[in-house]
Amino acid sequence: MASRILLAKVLYQLSDYAQIEMVLSGLDHLDRDARLALATSYHMTEQYEKARVSWKKLLSDDDQAIIYSNIGDTFYNTGEIDSSIFYIRKAIAADPLSDLYVLNLGIAYSAVDESGRACAHFFLAAMRNNNDAASLYEHENCISWQHYWLQHVPGTRVAATSNTFFPELHQDLISANENYMLREYGEESRVTLSDITRTDVGVVLTFRNQQQELLHRWVTSSQKPSFVLRAAGDTRIAKAENK
């Protein structure tokens, strides 16, 4: 038994997945590394339902994020996209700063024609320097309608209060004047800042215009914003930026 388990682990290290199932067949009470090798062998040989069962048995161990992601991938490959999305979101909850899991969630959303959510996740993963996400973001022409899908960028929502001329972002609160003039593309309109969605790489500012439409704009400290704000009735111009 011990020699077969050792052989399976060697095959796993050599990425020779096809033989692992045969080597471990009939053995009980496998240690974690052997169970990991078996789950991976099922996954890599496209036995997704067996892989799913094996991955779930590993959830009590460490590295829950990658296990959830692998379970999500098995559902994706069997066409069960809603379940795939459920488990990839659990992976992100366990590792919120992962660019890979955010990319995978974007791919899953794309598979069910949730183009806005897909672009939002490609964008966030690309901002975290994931090249595959950047390629998909460009391929899907997401930049051309960014203002429409920015609302789907995942992050921490921050509440708003009104007691200052210019937006100031504190821990979980925005201090903001009720009315601003938003200038972009040569035009200016009166808006109210309603909330901010904060991520590790920037923020989404959400405004409401006089027609009660929501406007979403991306701001990051590393890029010049495409708009400027001034408090309504104030002649000073202030660039919008996260503090």
Protein backbone atom coordinates (compact mmCIF):
# COMPACT_ATOMS: atom_id res chain seq x y z
CA MET A 1 0.00 0.00 0.00
CA ALA A 2 2.71 2.45 1.01
CA SER A 3 4.68 1.79 -2.17
CA ARG A 4 1.61 2.39 -4.36
CA ILE A 5 0.86 5.67 -2.58
CA LEU A 6 4.46 6.74 -3.03
CA LEU A 7 4.31 5.84 -6.72
CA ALA A 8 1.11 7.86 -7.12
CA LYS A 9 2.79 10.88 -5.54
CA VAL A 10 5.77 10.52 -7.89
CA LEU A 11 3.44 10.32 -10.88
CA TYR A 12 1.68 13.45 -9.60
CA GLN A 13 4.99 15.31 -9.39
CA LEU A 14 5.76 14.19 -12.96
CA SER A 15 2.28 15.32 -14.14
CA ASP A 16 1.63 11.75 -15.32
CA TYR A 17 -2.03 11.85 -14.29
CA ALA A 18 -3.38 9.01 -16.44
CA GLN A 19 -1.87 6.24 -14.29
CA ILE A 20 -2.65 7.63 -10.83
CA GLU A 21 -6.22 6.29 -10.69
CA MET A 22 -5.03 2.79 -11.55
CA VAL A 23 -2.21 2.90 -8.99
CA LEU A 24 -4.53 4.01 -6.16
CA SER A 25 -7.47 1.80 -7.14
CA GLY A 26 -8.89 -0.14 -4.20
CA LEU A 27 -6.90 1.69 -1.54
CA ASP A 28 -8.63 3.28 1.45
CA HIS A 29 -7.43 5.77 4.08
CA LEU A 30 -5.31 7.82 1.69
CA ASP A 31 -3.37 10.74 3.13
CA ARG A 32 -3.97 14.27 1.91
CA ASP A 33 -1.26 14.24 -0.76
CA ALA A 34 -2.56 11.01 -2.22
CA ARG A 35 -6.14 12.32 -2.24
CA LEU A 36 -4.91 15.50 -3.93
CA ALA A 37 -3.12 13.42 -6.57
CA LEU A 38 -6.28 11.37 -7.17
CA ALA A 39 -8.54 14.42 -7.47
CA THR A 40 -6.09 16.05 -9.87
CA SER A 41 -5.85 12.88 -11.98
CA TYR A 42 -9.64 12.75 -12.34
CA HIS A 43 -9.71 16.43 -13.26
CA MET A 44 -6.90 16.29 -15.80
CA THR A 45 -8.34 13.20 -17.48
CA GLU A 46 -11.73 14.96 -17.77
CA GLN A 47 -13.57 12.72 -15.31
CA TYR A 48 -15.23 15.78 -13.87
CA GLU A 49 -17.90 14.16 -11.70
CA LYS A 50 -15.33 11.93 -9.98
CA ALA A 51 -13.04 14.93 -9.63
CA ARG A 52 -15.82 16.95 -8.03
CA VAL A 53 -16.44 14.29 -5.39
CA SER A 54 -12.72 14.07 -4.67
CA TRP A 55 -12.26 17.85 -4.44
CA LYS A 56 -15.15 18.14 -2.01
CA LYS A 57 -13.48 15.61 0.27
CA LEU A 58 -10.49 17.97 0.44
CA LEU A 59 -12.48 21.01 1.57
CA SER A 60 -11.71 20.42 5.24
CA ASP A 61 -8.01 20.84 4.48
CA ASP A 62 -6.05 24.03 3.77
CA ASP A 63 -6.14 25.93 0.47
CA GLN A 64 -9.93 26.08 0.39
CA ALA A 65 -9.89 28.81 -2.26
CA ILE A 66 -8.22 26.63 -4.89
CA ILE A 67 -10.43 23.66 -3.98
CA TYR A 68 -13.57 25.76 -4.44
CA SER A 69 -12.15 27.01 -7.74
CA ASN A 70 -11.48 23.46 -8.92
CA ILE A 71 -15.01 22.40 -8.00
CA GLY A 72 -16.29 25.37 -9.96
CA ASP A 73 -14.19 24.29 -12.93
CA THR A 74 -15.69 20.79 -12.88
CA PHE A 75 -19.18 22.30 -13.05
CA TYR A 76 -18.08 24.64 -15.85
CA ASN A 77 -16.80 21.72 -17.89
CA THR A 78 -20.06 19.79 -17.47
CA GLY A 79 -22.10 22.82 -18.55
CA GLU A 80 -23.55 23.55 -15.10
CA ILE A 81 -22.61 27.23 -15.14
CA ASP A 82 -24.79 28.44 -12.27
CA SER A 83 -23.11 25.94 -9.95
CA SER A 84 -19.73 26.92 -11.38
CA ILE A 85 -20.41 30.57 -10.56
CA PHE A 86 -21.50 29.62 -7.04
CA TYR A 87 -18.22 27.83 -6.27
CA ILE A 88 -15.94 30.34 -7.97
CA ARG A 89 -17.54 33.07 -5.89
CA LYS A 90 -16.76 30.99 -2.80
CA ALA A 91 -13.15 30.79 -3.99
CA ILE A 92 -13.04 34.59 -4.29
CA ALA A 93 -14.54 34.95 -0.81
CA ALA A 94 -11.69 32.80 0.51
CA ASP A 95 -9.04 34.70 -1.50
CA PRO A 96 -10.48 38.14 -2.42
CA LEU A 97 -7.32 39.45 -4.10
CA SER A 98 -6.87 36.60 -6.56
CA ASP A 99 -6.78 37.74 -10.18
CA LEU A 100 -7.20 34.14 -11.44
CA TYR A 101 -10.48 33.45 -9.66
CA VAL A 102 -11.89 36.81 -10.77
CA LEU A 103 -10.89 35.96 -14.36
CA ASN A 104 -12.55 32.55 -14.10
CA LEU A 105 -15.75 34.13 -12.79
CA GLY A 106 -15.74 36.49 -15.77
CA ILE A 107 -15.40 33.51 -18.11
CA ALA A 108 -18.32 31.78 -16.39
CA TYR A 109 -20.49 34.89 -16.69
CA SER A 110 -19.56 35.13 -20.37
CA ALA A 111 -20.76 31.55 -20.88
CA VAL A 112 -24.29 32.54 -19.80
CA ASP A 113 -24.25 35.82 -21.77
CA GLU A 114 -23.85 38.02 -18.69
CA SER A 115 -21.65 40.34 -20.73
CA GLY A 116 -21.67 43.22 -18.25
CA ARG A 117 -20.60 41.07 -15.33
CA ALA A 118 -18.04 39.32 -17.53
CA CYS A 119 -16.45 42.65 -18.56
CA ALA A 120 -16.42 43.88 -14.96
CA HIS A 121 -14.50 40.81 -13.84
CA PHE A 122 -12.13 40.82 -16.83
CA PHE A 123 -11.44 44.47 -16.02
CA LEU A 124 -10.70 43.87 -12.34
CA ALA A 125 -8.45 40.89 -13.08
CA ALA A 126 -6.64 42.90 -15.77
CA MET A 127 -6.11 45.74 -13.31
CA ARG A 128 -4.41 43.12 -11.12
CA ASN A 129 -2.03 42.46 -14.04
CA ASN A 130 -3.61 39.26 -15.37
CA ASN A 131 -2.65 39.17 -19.06
CA ASP A 132 -5.34 36.65 -20.04
CA ALA A 133 -7.99 38.91 -18.52
CA ALA A 134 -6.56 41.89 -20.39
CA SER A 135 -6.80 39.97 -23.67
CA LEU A 136 -10.42 38.98 -23.03
CA TYR A 137 -11.25 42.54 -22.00
CA GLU A 138 -9.91 43.77 -25.33
CA HIS A 139 -11.48 40.92 -27.33
CA GLU A 140 -14.93 41.63 -25.89
CA ASN A 141 -14.49 45.37 -26.59
CA CYS A 142 -15.42 46.10 -22.98
CA ILE A 143 -13.86 49.57 -23.01
CA SER A 144 -16.48 50.84 -25.46
CA TRP A 145 -19.30 50.51 -22.90
CA GLN A 146 -17.44 50.73 -19.61
CA HIS A 147 -19.88 53.18 -18.02
CA TYR A 148 -22.65 50.58 -18.30
CA TRP A 149 -20.93 47.62 -16.64
CA LEU A 150 -18.86 49.40 -13.96
CA GLN A 151 -21.74 48.84 -11.54
CA HIS A 152 -20.86 45.13 -11.59
CA VAL A 153 -17.24 45.55 -10.44
CA PRO A 154 -17.04 43.60 -7.16
CA GLY A 155 -15.82 45.46 -4.11
CA THR A 156 -16.79 47.00 -0.78
CA ARG A 157 -19.74 49.38 -0.85
CA VAL A 158 -19.26 52.58 1.14
CA ALA A 159 -22.16 54.61 2.52
CA ALA A 160 -22.55 58.36 1.88
CA THR A 161 -23.25 61.32 4.16
CA SER A 162 -23.46 65.01 3.31
CA ASN A 163 -21.24 67.46 5.17
CA THR A 164 -18.41 68.69 2.95
CA PHE A 165 -17.74 70.42 -0.37
CA PHE A 166 -15.70 67.67 -1.98
CA PRO A 167 -15.93 63.85 -1.73
CA GLU A 168 -13.76 62.46 1.05
CA LEU A 169 -13.43 58.72 1.48
CA HIS A 170 -12.96 57.49 5.05
CA GLN A 171 -13.01 53.92 6.36
CA ASP A 172 -16.60 52.96 5.50
CA LEU A 173 -18.10 56.37 4.84
CA ILE A 174 -18.10 59.05 2.16
CA SER A 175 -18.41 62.64 3.28
CA ALA A 176 -19.92 64.40 0.28
CA ASN A 177 -21.84 67.50 -0.64
CA GLU A 178 -25.33 66.72 -1.93
CA ASN A 179 -24.80 68.29 -5.35
CA TYR A 180 -21.84 68.42 -7.74
CA MET A 181 -21.20 69.55 -11.27
CA LEU A 182 -19.68 66.68 -13.27
CA ARG A 183 -17.65 67.82 -16.27
CA GLU A 184 -16.61 65.33 -18.97
CA TYR A 185 -16.43 65.20 -22.76
CA GLY A 186 -16.87 68.98 -22.90
CA GLU A 187 -20.22 68.93 -21.08
CA GLU A 188 -21.25 69.59 -17.49
CA SER A 189 -24.21 68.21 -15.56
CA ARG A 190 -25.51 68.39 -11.99
CA VAL A 191 -25.16 65.11 -10.09
CA THR A 192 -25.37 63.68 -6.59
CA LEU A 193 -22.67 61.31 -5.35
CA SER A 194 -24.54 58.34 -3.89
CA ASP A 195 -21.88 55.76 -3.09
CA ILE A 196 -18.48 54.27 -3.81
CA THR A 197 -17.50 50.68 -4.51
CA ARG A 198 -13.94 50.26 -3.29
CA THR A 199 -11.46 47.67 -4.61
CA ASP A 200 -7.75 47.11 -4.02
CA VAL A 201 -6.89 48.79 -7.35
CA GLY A 202 -9.37 51.69 -7.52
CA VAL A 203 -12.94 52.78 -6.84
CA VAL A 204 -16.21 53.06 -8.72
CA LEU A 205 -17.97 56.36 -8.03
CA THR A 206 -21.74 56.21 -8.44
CA PHE A 207 -23.60 59.44 -9.19
CA ARG A 208 -27.28 60.14 -9.79
CA ASN A 209 -28.16 62.82 -12.35
CA GLN A 210 -31.22 65.07 -12.47
CA GLN A 211 -33.06 62.45 -14.55
CA GLN A 212 -32.49 60.01 -11.65
CA GLU A 213 -30.17 57.92 -13.83
CA LEU A 214 -27.16 56.28 -12.20
CA LEU A 215 -23.73 57.17 -13.59
CA HIS A 216 -20.73 54.97 -12.76
CA ARG A 217 -17.14 56.21 -13.14
CA TRP A 218 -13.82 54.49 -12.43
CA VAL A 219 -11.08 56.28 -10.51
CA THR A 220 -7.59 55.10 -9.59
CA SER A 221 -4.62 56.92 -8.15
CA SER A 222 -2.40 55.67 -11.01
CA GLN A 223 -4.50 57.09 -13.86
CA LYS A 224 -5.86 60.54 -14.61
CA PRO A 225 -9.67 60.49 -14.38
CA SER A 226 -11.70 61.35 -17.47
CA PHE A 227 -13.80 63.89 -15.55
CA VAL A 228 -13.61 66.69 -13.01
CA LEU A 229 -15.98 67.64 -10.19
CA ARG A 230 -16.84 70.90 -8.57
CA ALA A 231 -19.31 71.50 -5.79
CA ALA A 232 -22.48 73.02 -7.20
CA GLY A 233 -22.30 76.78 -6.81
CA ASP A 234 -18.52 76.71 -6.25
CA THR A 235 -16.13 77.98 -8.92
CA ARG A 236 -13.21 75.80 -7.81
CA ILE A 237 -12.50 72.71 -9.87
CA ALA A 238 -11.35 69.51 -8.17
CA LYS A 239 -10.16 66.34 -9.87
CA ALA A 240 -12.01 63.29 -8.58
CA GLU A 241 -9.62 60.93 -6.90
CA ASN A 242 -9.72 58.32 -4.18
CA LYS A 243 -8.06 59.39 -0.94
